[in-house]
Amino acid sequence: MHQRPGGPPPGCPAHGNTQLYGPEFGSDPDARYAYLRGLGPSAPVDIAPGVEVELVTSYDAALYILQNPASFVRDSRRWRALNEGRVPEDSPALPMMGYRPNALFSDGAAHARLRQAVTDSLATVNELQLVRQTQQSAEYLISRFSSDRLGQAELMAEYAQPLPLLVFSELFGCPPEIGDRVIVGISGIFDGTAGADLVLGEALGELIALKRRRPGTDLTTRLMEHPSQLTDEEVLHQLVTLLSGGTAPLSATIGSSSALILGEEWQTGLPVEDAVTQVLWNYAPIANYAAHYPTHDVELGDRVLRANDPVVISFAAANTDPRLAEHREQLSAKAHLAFGAGPHACPAKDPAFVIAVTAVETLLNRLPDVEVRVPFKDLNWVPAPWSRSLVALPVRFTPRAVAPSAAQAPVSEPQPAVPSAYHVAPQASRPAAANASRPKPGLFSRFLAWTRGE
């Protein structure tokens, strides 16, 4: 990876841009990054068919762009090729790079206002409570596969992917039925399910309306009550950003960290925090993202970054920049760019780290003899350019029953301002007709029932 190759790596076109998508890229992205580094601190790539961006692979150049909001802005309405109709309408790049009215795609005063509401709201999260919530979510998911099989599971689909959604549904103060639809919606968006965005939007709209009537002690209420006075639409878009921007990276971090610490090359006795930190450095869960748009032509190395053409940061390549090797021991463990940097750095990096560490620790504590069924080097990665996530993580263990930890119940602190809407009444107290028409409980409803011993 640290050698400058003499030409394009296998699978790259000999002429034209390097492709940052497809199975060959997914199987060995480091080879592409190594080739691109040989072209300078940045190089043109196709991030999707027919979509060209400038990819920054240098750590120093990435930091310069991330910390220079005067010359590099995030508002994708500037995107020249999109405005000129040169981006395919069905491009997979559009959902990732297209403009939305949230802090991620805002600049200046508008960004500062939205971001302040988000950071102040996140600052109210109690770390001990977050650990308890994550432990309970983890134990519930483990209970679903720990005793009803022959000691085998696939941890990405059954653990790493649903866990953040359970935690977020609770942090946002979702009642059971709305939490179920939030999970269906956000899961469907990542799976490409038609209409999933409408499911998510409607569920979050109902949640916001509920919080207007009955405020709670949750993140949704904090956002709505912030002095920035966000509109309901603005609150909805910030919630979507937190869900979509937090779920996939957290799932990837939990899965990769679990695979790393269970792998044959991991040094026994090192803390889980070391595994998570190593993943953030070497397998950045958000691999290539954070499109910036130069406000004027900017020289970078031997290239000119043209105004309003997208410049994408390769967090994965920047973190593994060979020029960092000689300074790595002097760098802070948190100097990686997995959470970004500058004014748009991830506002939830501390809670995200806590959730990831707690998820891996709970897995190891509840299934102490768990081991991977495939060597780490042979695991497959998702071939998308945006994220570095395992396709699957098959494990084996000794089957056992996992029950809720008594010391952790209830799931959350009492919320007297939000009455019975948060609790599912016993089935016996419901009329038969209501029972017949009531939809089958979803993942969040089943999780809450499990925590109550039902």
Protein backbone atom coordinates (compact mmCIF):
# COMPACT_ATOMS: atom_id res chain seq x y z
CA MET A 1 0.00 0.00 0.00
CA HIS A 2 2.89 2.34 0.69
CA GLN A 3 4.62 1.79 -2.66
CA ARG A 4 3.96 4.06 -5.61
CA PRO A 5 2.79 1.75 -8.38
CA GLY A 6 3.89 2.23 -11.96
CA GLY A 7 0.36 2.25 -13.38
CA PRO A 8 -3.29 1.77 -12.61
CA PRO A 9 -4.04 -1.15 -10.25
CA PRO A 10 -5.98 -4.15 -11.58
CA GLY A 11 -9.50 -3.19 -12.55
CA CYS A 12 -8.74 0.50 -13.17
CA PRO A 13 -9.13 1.76 -16.73
CA ALA A 14 -5.79 2.51 -18.32
CA HIS A 15 -7.31 5.64 -19.77
CA GLY A 16 -9.84 7.87 -18.10
CA ASN A 17 -10.66 8.28 -14.44
CA THR A 18 -10.12 5.70 -11.74
CA GLN A 19 -13.42 4.11 -10.74
CA LEU A 20 -14.28 4.28 -7.05
CA TYR A 21 -17.12 1.78 -7.16
CA GLY A 22 -17.82 -1.83 -8.01
CA PRO A 23 -16.63 -5.19 -6.67
CA GLU A 24 -12.98 -4.73 -7.68
CA PHE A 25 -12.77 -1.42 -5.82
CA GLY A 26 -14.54 -2.92 -2.81
CA SER A 27 -12.17 -5.88 -2.65
CA ASP A 28 -9.03 -3.74 -2.55
CA PRO A 29 -9.66 0.00 -2.16
CA ASP A 30 -6.15 0.53 -0.76
CA ALA A 31 -4.67 -0.31 -4.15
CA ARG A 32 -6.74 2.45 -5.74
CA TYR A 33 -5.74 4.93 -3.06
CA ALA A 34 -2.06 4.04 -3.49
CA TYR A 35 -2.29 4.62 -7.23
CA LEU A 36 -4.12 7.92 -6.76
CA ARG A 37 -1.52 9.14 -4.24
CA GLY A 38 1.07 8.78 -6.98
CA LEU A 39 -0.85 11.42 -8.97
CA GLY A 40 -0.62 14.05 -6.22
CA PRO A 41 -2.63 15.16 -3.19
CA SER A 42 -5.81 14.88 -5.26
CA ALA A 43 -6.92 13.29 -8.51
CA PRO A 44 -10.07 13.00 -10.64
CA VAL A 45 -12.14 9.85 -10.08
CA ASP A 46 -15.57 8.56 -11.04
CA ILE A 47 -17.44 8.07 -7.78
CA ALA A 48 -20.39 6.63 -9.70
CA PRO A 49 -21.03 5.99 -13.42
CA GLY A 50 -20.90 9.35 -15.17
CA VAL A 51 -20.13 11.30 -11.97
CA GLU A 52 -16.65 12.83 -11.75
CA VAL A 53 -15.26 14.34 -8.55
CA GLU A 54 -11.83 15.38 -7.35
CA LEU A 55 -10.73 12.93 -4.62
CA VAL A 56 -8.35 14.17 -1.93
CA THR A 57 -6.07 11.39 -0.66
CA SER A 58 -3.49 13.45 1.26
CA TYR A 59 -3.96 13.90 5.02
CA ASP A 60 -2.54 17.44 4.95
CA ALA A 61 -4.62 18.46 1.94
CA ALA A 62 -7.76 16.98 3.47
CA LEU A 63 -7.16 18.88 6.71
CA TYR A 64 -6.54 22.09 4.75
CA ILE A 65 -9.86 21.79 2.91
CA LEU A 66 -11.88 20.71 5.95
CA GLN A 67 -10.57 23.66 7.94
CA ASN A 68 -10.92 26.29 5.21
CA PRO A 69 -14.65 27.16 4.96
CA ALA A 70 -13.91 30.47 3.23
CA SER A 71 -12.65 28.70 0.10
CA PHE A 72 -14.50 25.37 0.35
CA VAL A 73 -18.22 25.26 1.11
CA ARG A 74 -20.70 22.38 1.49
CA ASP A 75 -23.80 23.70 -0.31
CA SER A 76 -24.21 21.24 -3.20
CA ARG A 77 -26.55 23.57 -5.05
CA ARG A 78 -23.29 24.93 -6.48
CA TRP A 79 -22.53 21.61 -8.18
CA ARG A 80 -21.73 22.66 -11.75
CA ALA A 81 -22.24 19.31 -13.50
CA LEU A 82 -25.58 18.78 -11.75
CA ASN A 83 -26.81 22.24 -12.68
CA GLU A 84 -25.77 21.65 -16.29
CA GLY A 85 -27.66 18.33 -16.45
CA ARG A 86 -24.53 16.18 -16.73
CA VAL A 87 -25.31 13.96 -13.72
CA PRO A 88 -27.58 10.97 -14.47
CA GLU A 89 -31.00 11.40 -12.84
CA ASP A 90 -30.83 7.91 -11.35
CA SER A 91 -27.25 8.23 -10.13
CA PRO A 92 -26.52 6.63 -6.73
CA ALA A 93 -24.40 9.72 -6.03
CA LEU A 94 -27.44 12.01 -5.85
CA PRO A 95 -28.89 10.68 -2.56
CA MET A 96 -25.45 11.08 -0.99
CA MET A 97 -24.43 14.43 -2.49
CA GLY A 98 -27.73 16.17 -3.29
CA TYR A 99 -28.68 19.22 -1.24
CA ARG A 100 -30.82 18.97 1.89
CA PRO A 101 -31.71 21.80 4.29
CA ASN A 102 -29.61 20.52 7.18
CA ALA A 103 -26.36 21.43 8.93
CA LEU A 104 -24.36 19.07 6.70
CA PHE A 105 -25.12 21.02 3.51
CA SER A 106 -25.20 24.52 5.02
CA ASP A 107 -22.54 27.17 5.42
CA GLY A 108 -21.94 30.37 7.34
CA ALA A 109 -24.62 31.67 9.68
CA ALA A 110 -27.21 29.09 8.56
CA HIS A 111 -24.80 26.27 9.37
CA ALA A 112 -23.80 27.79 12.71
CA ARG A 113 -27.44 28.09 13.78
CA LEU A 114 -28.40 24.51 12.88
CA ARG A 115 -25.18 22.99 14.19
CA GLN A 116 -25.46 24.80 17.53
CA ALA A 117 -28.90 23.30 18.04
CA VAL A 118 -27.54 19.82 17.29
CA THR A 119 -24.39 20.08 19.42
CA ASP A 120 -26.20 21.62 22.40
CA SER A 121 -28.86 18.90 22.24
CA LEU A 122 -26.26 16.13 22.03
CA ALA A 123 -24.43 17.66 25.00
CA THR A 124 -27.44 16.79 27.19
CA VAL A 125 -26.94 13.04 26.62
CA ASN A 126 -25.84 11.39 29.86
CA GLU A 127 -22.92 9.05 29.13
CA LEU A 128 -23.82 6.51 31.84
CA GLN A 129 -27.39 6.36 30.61
CA LEU A 130 -26.14 5.99 27.03
CA VAL A 131 -23.98 3.05 28.10
CA ARG A 132 -26.99 1.42 29.81
CA GLN A 133 -29.20 1.97 26.77
CA THR A 134 -26.58 0.51 24.46
CA GLN A 135 -26.04 -2.49 26.74
CA GLN A 136 -29.75 -3.26 26.81
CA SER A 137 -30.09 -2.90 23.05
CA ALA A 138 -27.05 -5.16 22.59
CA GLU A 139 -28.34 -7.77 25.05
CA TYR A 140 -31.72 -7.87 23.35
CA LEU A 141 -30.20 -8.46 19.93
CA ILE A 142 -27.84 -11.10 21.31
CA SER A 143 -30.82 -12.82 22.99
CA ARG A 144 -32.46 -13.21 19.59
CA PHE A 145 -29.71 -15.46 18.24
CA SER A 146 -27.80 -16.73 21.28
CA SER A 147 -30.00 -19.67 22.27
CA ASP A 148 -32.21 -20.68 19.35
CA ARG A 149 -29.49 -21.86 17.00
CA LEU A 150 -26.53 -24.18 16.88
CA GLY A 151 -24.21 -21.50 18.14
CA GLN A 152 -23.92 -19.50 14.91
CA ALA A 153 -24.88 -15.99 13.86
CA GLU A 154 -24.18 -13.32 11.26
CA LEU A 155 -23.28 -10.26 13.29
CA MET A 156 -23.66 -7.53 10.69
CA ALA A 157 -27.34 -8.16 9.93
CA GLU A 158 -28.29 -9.46 13.37
CA TYR A 159 -26.27 -7.16 15.62
CA ALA A 160 -24.18 -4.32 14.21
CA GLN A 161 -26.81 -2.94 11.83
CA PRO A 162 -29.94 -2.89 14.06
CA LEU A 163 -28.16 -1.86 17.28
CA PRO A 164 -27.69 1.87 16.49
CA LEU A 165 -31.33 2.09 15.38
CA LEU A 166 -32.57 0.79 18.73
CA VAL A 167 -30.34 3.23 20.61
CA PHE A 168 -31.33 6.17 18.42
CA SER A 169 -35.05 5.40 18.66
CA GLU A 170 -34.73 5.63 22.41
CA LEU A 171 -32.55 8.76 22.39
CA PHE A 172 -35.04 10.52 20.14
CA GLY A 173 -37.91 9.60 22.49
CA CYS A 174 -39.87 7.45 20.04
CA PRO A 175 -42.99 5.70 21.34
CA PRO A 176 -43.01 2.03 20.28
CA GLU A 177 -45.07 2.27 17.09
CA ILE A 178 -43.24 5.32 15.75
CA GLY A 179 -39.89 3.76 16.67
CA ASP A 180 -40.87 0.68 14.66
CA ARG A 181 -41.53 2.80 11.56
CA VAL A 182 -38.37 4.87 12.01
CA ILE A 183 -36.37 1.64 11.96
CA VAL A 184 -38.27 0.32 8.92
CA GLY A 185 -37.74 3.62 7.11
CA ILE A 186 -34.03 4.11 7.75
CA SER A 187 -33.30 0.40 7.12
CA GLY A 188 -35.23 0.61 3.87
CA ILE A 189 -33.26 3.65 2.73
CA PHE A 190 -29.99 1.76 3.15
CA ASP A 191 -31.47 -1.31 1.45
CA GLY A 192 -32.83 0.74 -1.45
CA THR A 193 -36.48 -0.09 -0.66
CA ALA A 194 -38.95 2.01 -2.64
CA GLY A 195 -40.91 4.46 -0.49
CA ALA A 196 -38.65 4.06 2.55
CA ASP A 197 -37.94 7.79 2.67
CA LEU A 198 -41.68 8.48 2.89
CA VAL A 199 -42.06 6.00 5.75
CA LEU A 200 -39.24 7.68 7.64
CA GLY A 201 -40.51 11.20 6.93
CA GLU A 202 -44.05 10.41 8.07
CA ALA A 203 -42.85 8.70 11.24
CA LEU A 204 -40.57 11.59 12.19
CA GLY A 205 -43.33 14.07 11.37
CA GLU A 206 -45.63 12.28 13.81
CA LEU A 207 -42.86 12.21 16.41
CA ILE A 208 -42.37 15.97 16.13
CA ALA A 209 -46.11 16.58 16.38
CA LEU A 210 -46.22 14.39 19.50
CA LYS A 211 -43.36 16.32 21.10
CA ARG A 212 -45.17 19.60 20.41
CA ARG A 213 -48.07 18.28 22.46
CA ARG A 214 -46.07 16.38 25.06
CA PRO A 215 -42.44 17.45 25.44
CA GLY A 216 -40.05 14.90 26.91
CA THR A 217 -36.42 14.70 28.02
CA ASP A 218 -35.18 13.35 24.68
CA LEU A 219 -33.08 14.70 21.81
CA THR A 220 -36.12 15.52 19.68
CA THR A 221 -37.54 17.75 22.39
CA ARG A 222 -34.14 19.34 23.01
CA LEU A 223 -33.87 20.26 19.33
CA MET A 224 -37.38 21.70 19.31
CA GLU A 225 -36.83 23.74 22.48
CA HIS A 226 -33.40 25.08 21.50
CA PRO A 227 -33.02 28.89 21.47
CA SER A 228 -32.27 28.68 17.73
CA GLN A 229 -36.03 28.09 17.30
CA LEU A 230 -35.88 25.49 14.57
CA THR A 231 -39.03 25.01 12.53
CA ASP A 232 -40.62 21.56 12.50
CA GLU A 233 -39.22 21.02 9.00
CA GLU A 234 -35.74 21.95 10.18
CA VAL A 235 -36.06 19.60 13.15
CA LEU A 236 -37.12 16.80 10.82
CA HIS A 237 -34.12 17.31 8.53
CA GLN A 238 -31.68 17.35 11.46
CA LEU A 239 -33.21 14.10 12.76
CA VAL A 240 -32.84 12.51 9.32
CA THR A 241 -29.20 13.63 9.24
CA LEU A 242 -28.50 12.18 12.68
CA LEU A 243 -30.18 8.91 11.75
CA SER A 244 -28.68 8.45 8.28
CA GLY A 245 -25.32 9.97 9.17
CA GLY A 246 -25.03 7.98 12.38
CA THR A 247 -26.49 4.56 11.62
CA ALA A 248 -24.29 3.29 8.78
CA PRO A 249 -20.94 4.50 10.19
CA LEU A 250 -21.75 3.13 13.65
CA SER A 251 -22.82 -0.22 12.21
CA ALA A 252 -19.61 -0.40 10.20
CA THR A 253 -17.49 0.52 13.24
CA ILE A 254 -19.16 -2.05 15.48
CA GLY A 255 -18.82 -4.78 12.86
CA SER A 256 -15.21 -4.01 11.90
CA SER A 257 -14.11 -3.60 15.54
CA SER A 258 -15.72 -6.92 16.48
CA ALA A 259 -14.04 -8.65 13.55
CA LEU A 260 -10.68 -7.10 14.40
CA ILE A 261 -10.70 -7.99 18.08
CA LEU A 262 -11.87 -11.54 17.32
CA GLY A 263 -9.29 -11.97 14.57
CA GLU A 264 -6.23 -14.14 14.74
CA GLU A 265 -3.80 -11.19 14.66
CA TRP A 266 -5.31 -9.23 17.56
CA GLN A 267 -3.09 -9.04 20.64
CA THR A 268 -4.93 -10.56 23.60
CA GLY A 269 -5.47 -8.21 26.50
CA LEU A 270 -5.69 -4.95 24.57
CA PRO A 271 -8.81 -2.95 25.46
CA VAL A 272 -11.80 -2.65 23.16
CA GLU A 273 -11.09 1.08 22.85
CA ASP A 274 -7.87 0.20 20.99
CA ALA A 275 -9.77 -1.91 18.47
CA VAL A 276 -12.31 0.84 17.80
CA THR A 277 -9.55 3.43 17.45
CA GLN A 278 -7.63 1.20 15.04
CA VAL A 279 -10.76 0.78 12.92
CA LEU A 280 -11.28 4.54 12.81
CA TRP A 281 -7.70 4.94 11.57
CA ASN A 282 -7.36 2.04 9.16
CA TYR A 283 -10.94 1.20 8.12
CA ALA A 284 -12.64 4.60 8.25
CA PRO A 285 -16.38 3.80 8.27
CA ILE A 286 -17.12 6.88 6.14
CA ALA A 287 -14.54 6.20 3.47
CA ASN A 288 -15.11 8.89 0.83
CA TYR A 289 -17.57 11.70 1.45
CA ALA A 290 -17.86 15.35 2.58
CA ALA A 291 -18.14 16.94 -0.85
CA HIS A 292 -16.85 20.51 -0.84
CA TYR A 293 -17.26 23.11 -3.55
CA PRO A 294 -14.47 25.66 -4.10
CA THR A 295 -15.75 29.23 -4.10
CA HIS A 296 -12.93 30.08 -6.53
CA ASP A 297 -10.26 28.18 -8.46
CA VAL A 298 -7.72 26.75 -6.00
CA GLU A 299 -4.28 25.31 -6.78
CA LEU A 300 -3.58 22.02 -4.99
CA GLY A 301 -0.29 20.39 -5.92
CA ASP A 302 -0.10 20.32 -9.71
CA ARG A 303 -3.86 20.52 -10.14
CA VAL A 304 -6.41 23.31 -10.15
CA LEU A 305 -9.63 22.67 -8.27
CA ARG A 306 -12.23 24.54 -10.28
CA ALA A 307 -14.90 26.61 -8.59
CA ASN A 308 -18.18 24.70 -8.05
CA ASP A 309 -16.75 21.30 -9.03
CA PRO A 310 -17.10 18.75 -6.18
CA VAL A 311 -14.02 17.94 -4.11
CA VAL A 312 -14.56 14.76 -2.07
CA ILE A 313 -12.46 13.89 0.96
CA SER A 314 -11.12 10.33 1.13
CA PHE A 315 -11.02 9.85 4.88
CA ALA A 316 -9.85 6.30 4.28
CA ALA A 317 -6.89 7.35 2.12
CA ALA A 318 -5.99 10.36 4.26
CA ASN A 319 -5.89 8.28 7.45
CA THR A 320 -3.54 5.77 5.83
CA ASP A 321 -1.38 8.39 4.10
CA PRO A 322 2.20 6.96 4.16
CA ARG A 323 3.54 10.41 5.01
CA LEU A 324 1.89 10.07 8.41
CA ALA A 325 3.86 6.93 9.26
CA GLU A 326 6.93 8.74 10.59
CA HIS A 327 4.79 11.01 12.77
CA ARG A 328 2.20 8.46 13.85
CA GLU A 329 3.69 7.94 17.32
CA GLN A 330 3.56 11.68 17.99
CA LEU A 331 -0.03 12.03 16.83
CA SER A 332 -2.94 11.79 19.21
CA ALA A 333 -5.03 8.63 18.91
CA LYS A 334 -7.86 10.97 17.97
CA ALA A 335 -5.96 12.70 15.15
CA HIS A 336 -7.65 10.49 12.54
CA LEU A 337 -10.17 12.08 10.20
CA ALA A 338 -12.86 9.41 10.56
CA PHE A 339 -15.10 11.99 12.23
CA GLY A 340 -14.01 14.78 9.90
CA ALA A 341 -12.47 18.05 11.05
CA GLY A 342 -13.17 21.75 11.00
CA PRO A 343 -16.62 23.36 11.25
CA HIS A 344 -18.40 20.29 9.86
CA ALA A 345 -16.70 17.69 12.07
CA CYS A 346 -19.13 15.08 13.38
CA PRO A 347 -20.93 16.60 16.39
CA ALA A 348 -21.70 13.14 17.78
CA LYS A 349 -18.20 11.67 17.75
CA ASP A 350 -18.03 11.16 21.54
CA PRO A 351 -21.43 9.41 21.86
CA ALA A 352 -20.62 7.36 18.75
CA PHE A 353 -17.35 6.15 20.27
CA VAL A 354 -19.15 5.23 23.52
CA ILE A 355 -21.83 3.28 21.64
CA ALA A 356 -19.27 1.37 19.53
CA VAL A 357 -17.08 0.42 22.51
CA THR A 358 -20.08 -0.61 24.61
CA ALA A 359 -21.52 -2.71 21.79
CA VAL A 360 -18.30 -4.69 21.33
CA GLU A 361 -17.74 -5.08 25.08
CA THR A 362 -21.28 -6.37 25.61
CA LEU A 363 -20.85 -8.91 22.82
CA LEU A 364 -17.64 -10.23 24.38
CA ASN A 365 -19.13 -10.29 27.89
CA ARG A 366 -22.35 -12.06 26.89
CA LEU A 367 -20.70 -14.53 24.48
CA PRO A 368 -17.24 -14.99 26.02
CA ASP A 369 -16.20 -17.77 23.65
CA VAL A 370 -17.44 -16.09 20.45
CA GLU A 371 -15.08 -16.47 17.50
CA VAL A 372 -15.16 -15.57 13.83
CA ARG A 373 -15.75 -18.34 11.30
CA VAL A 374 -13.78 -16.55 8.55
CA PRO A 375 -10.29 -15.01 8.95
CA PHE A 376 -10.31 -11.21 9.03
CA LYS A 377 -8.27 -11.01 5.81
CA ASP A 378 -10.88 -13.08 3.96
CA LEU A 379 -13.95 -11.07 4.98
CA ASN A 380 -15.76 -9.22 2.20
CA TRP A 381 -16.39 -5.48 2.20
CA VAL A 382 -19.29 -3.53 0.73
CA PRO A 383 -18.22 -2.28 -2.74
CA ALA A 384 -19.72 1.22 -2.33
CA PRO A 385 -17.35 4.22 -2.36
CA TRP A 386 -19.00 5.97 0.56
CA SER A 387 -18.42 3.52 3.38
CA ARG A 388 -16.02 0.83 4.54
CA SER A 389 -18.28 -1.83 5.98
CA LEU A 390 -18.23 -5.60 6.13
CA VAL A 391 -20.79 -7.44 4.04
CA ALA A 392 -21.13 -10.14 6.69
CA LEU A 393 -19.45 -11.28 9.90
CA PRO A 394 -20.19 -14.97 10.59
CA VAL A 395 -19.38 -16.16 14.12
CA ARG A 396 -19.75 -19.23 16.32
CA PHE A 397 -20.25 -19.53 20.09
CA THR A 398 -21.69 -21.73 22.80
CA PRO A 399 -25.50 -21.29 22.79
CA ARG A 400 -26.86 -19.63 25.94
CA ALA A 401 -29.87 -17.63 27.06
CA VAL A 402 -29.50 -13.88 27.52
CA ALA A 403 -32.00 -12.07 29.74
CA PRO A 404 -32.28 -8.34 30.52
CA SER A 405 -29.84 -7.17 33.17
CA ALA A 406 -31.92 -6.39 36.21
CA ALA A 407 -29.62 -3.55 37.19
CA GLN A 408 -30.33 -1.82 33.89
CA ALA A 409 -34.12 -1.75 33.89
CA PRO A 410 -36.01 0.38 33.07
CA VAL A 411 -34.73 1.25 29.62
CA SER A 412 -34.88 4.99 30.15
CA GLU A 413 -35.54 7.48 32.87
CA PRO A 414 -39.21 8.13 33.71
CA GLN A 415 -40.78 10.85 31.61
CA PRO A 416 -43.77 12.16 33.56
CA ALA A 417 -44.51 14.77 30.90
CA VAL A 418 -45.10 11.98 28.37
CA PRO A 419 -47.77 9.63 29.70
CA SER A 420 -49.11 6.31 28.51
CA ALA A 421 -48.33 6.93 24.83
CA TYR A 422 -44.90 5.47 25.58
CA HIS A 423 -46.18 2.17 26.89
CA VAL A 424 -47.97 -0.71 25.23
CA ALA A 425 -51.02 -1.67 27.27
CA PRO A 426 -51.46 -5.39 28.05
CA GLN A 427 -53.24 -7.21 25.25
CA ALA A 428 -55.99 -8.37 27.60
CA SER A 429 -57.12 -4.79 28.14
CA ARG A 430 -57.68 -4.15 24.42
CA PRO A 431 -60.91 -4.87 22.59
CA ALA A 432 -60.78 -7.86 20.28
CA ALA A 433 -61.37 -5.73 17.19
CA ALA A 434 -58.47 -3.48 18.08
CA ASN A 435 -56.24 -6.52 18.56
CA ALA A 436 -57.21 -7.86 15.16
CA SER A 437 -56.39 -4.63 13.34
CA ARG A 438 -53.27 -3.75 15.29
CA PRO A 439 -50.11 -4.19 13.17
CA LYS A 440 -47.56 -6.75 14.23
CA PRO A 441 -45.07 -5.21 16.69
CA GLY A 442 -41.84 -4.15 15.07
CA LEU A 443 -38.26 -4.34 16.33
CA PHE A 444 -38.46 -1.40 18.74
CA SER A 445 -41.77 -2.55 20.25
CA ARG A 446 -40.41 -6.06 20.77
CA PHE A 447 -37.26 -4.65 22.34
CA LEU A 448 -39.22 -2.53 24.82
CA ALA A 449 -41.44 -5.50 25.70
CA TRP A 450 -38.32 -7.64 26.29
CA THR A 451 -36.89 -5.07 28.71
CA ARG A 452 -40.12 -5.31 30.71
CA GLY A 453 -39.92 -9.11 30.81
CA GLU A 454 -42.97 -9.58 28.56
